[in-house]
Amino acid sequence: MFGRRTRQQELDDGGRRQLRDAYRATFSTPEGRRVLEDLRTSLKLVQNVYTRGMDALELAFHEGRRSAAVHIETMMEEHHE
């Protein structure tokens, strides 16, 4: 479609810095830190998602959830360019 920018184009054009700032603003408040801590716990960010006997689909499901929390933390930790 003409005139429509992709998400990647927006991020490449300085939008990534703005997006990082939005993540920081959201999750640096007391409420945001509380939500982030809940995500770390409920999405098993700090522990192995595999348990003995887990099948591949279940593992993929849990790893997908975990990767969402990793993405949030990565966005908050990236340094300004």
Protein backbone atom coordinates (compact mmCIF):
# COMPACT_ATOMS: atom_id res chain seq x y z
CA MET A 1 0.00 0.00 0.00
CA PHE A 2 1.36 3.38 -0.95
CA GLY A 3 1.95 5.85 1.83
CA ARG A 4 1.79 3.23 4.57
CA ARG A 5 4.88 2.67 6.64
CA THR A 6 5.71 -0.67 8.14
CA ARG A 7 6.43 -1.03 11.82
CA GLN A 8 10.09 -1.69 11.02
CA GLN A 9 10.32 1.56 9.00
CA GLU A 10 8.86 3.50 11.91
CA LEU A 11 11.35 1.95 14.31
CA ASP A 12 14.25 2.58 11.94
CA ASP A 13 13.33 6.26 11.64
CA GLY A 14 13.93 7.13 15.29
CA GLY A 15 10.78 5.49 16.53
CA ARG A 16 12.75 2.89 18.44
CA ARG A 17 14.09 5.54 20.80
CA GLN A 18 10.58 6.84 21.39
CA LEU A 19 9.31 3.33 21.92
CA ARG A 20 12.09 2.58 24.45
CA ASP A 21 11.20 5.80 26.26
CA ALA A 22 7.55 4.74 26.36
CA TYR A 23 8.50 1.36 27.86
CA ARG A 24 10.63 3.09 30.48
CA ALA A 25 7.91 5.61 31.32
CA THR A 26 5.35 2.82 31.66
CA PHE A 27 7.38 0.38 33.72
CA SER A 28 9.44 2.78 35.85
CA THR A 29 6.47 3.96 37.91
CA PRO A 30 5.68 2.13 41.15
CA GLU A 31 2.67 0.53 39.46
CA GLY A 32 4.70 -0.37 36.39
CA ARG A 33 7.42 -1.99 38.50
CA ARG A 34 4.75 -3.99 40.31
CA VAL A 35 3.28 -5.18 36.99
CA LEU A 36 6.74 -6.02 35.63
CA GLU A 37 7.54 -8.04 38.74
CA ASP A 38 4.26 -9.94 38.30
CA LEU A 39 5.17 -10.62 34.66
CA ARG A 40 8.61 -11.88 35.69
CA THR A 41 6.99 -14.30 38.11
CA SER A 42 3.93 -15.42 36.14
CA LEU A 43 5.79 -15.71 32.82
CA LYS A 44 8.69 -17.54 34.48
CA LEU A 45 11.30 -15.06 33.30
CA VAL A 46 13.95 -16.11 35.78
CA GLN A 47 13.48 -19.84 35.64
CA ASN A 48 13.64 -22.58 33.07
CA VAL A 49 10.28 -23.04 31.37
CA TYR A 50 10.90 -26.74 30.69
CA THR A 51 9.72 -29.33 33.13
CA ARG A 52 10.24 -33.07 32.78
CA GLY A 53 7.62 -34.69 30.59
CA MET A 54 6.57 -31.45 28.87
CA ASP A 55 5.76 -31.87 25.20
CA ALA A 56 7.09 -29.59 22.46
CA LEU A 57 3.86 -27.61 22.04
CA GLU A 58 3.60 -26.86 25.73
CA LEU A 59 7.26 -25.86 25.83
CA ALA A 60 6.77 -23.52 22.85
CA PHE A 61 3.74 -21.97 24.53
CA HIS A 62 5.60 -21.24 27.76
CA GLU A 63 8.70 -20.01 25.93
CA GLY A 64 6.53 -17.62 23.91
CA ARG A 65 5.08 -16.16 27.10
CA ARG A 66 8.53 -15.85 28.60
CA SER A 67 9.86 -14.08 25.52
CA ALA A 68 7.24 -11.34 25.97
CA ALA A 69 8.67 -10.47 29.38
CA VAL A 70 12.22 -10.67 28.02
CA HIS A 71 11.24 -8.21 25.28
CA ILE A 72 9.93 -5.70 27.83
CA GLU A 73 13.10 -5.91 29.89
CA THR A 74 15.29 -5.63 26.79
CA MET A 75 13.46 -2.48 25.68
CA MET A 76 13.96 -0.92 29.10
CA GLU A 77 17.67 -1.80 29.25
CA GLU A 78 18.71 -0.62 25.79
CA HIS A 79 20.93 2.43 25.91
CA HIS A 80 20.18 5.62 24.08
CA GLU A 81 22.17 5.96 20.89
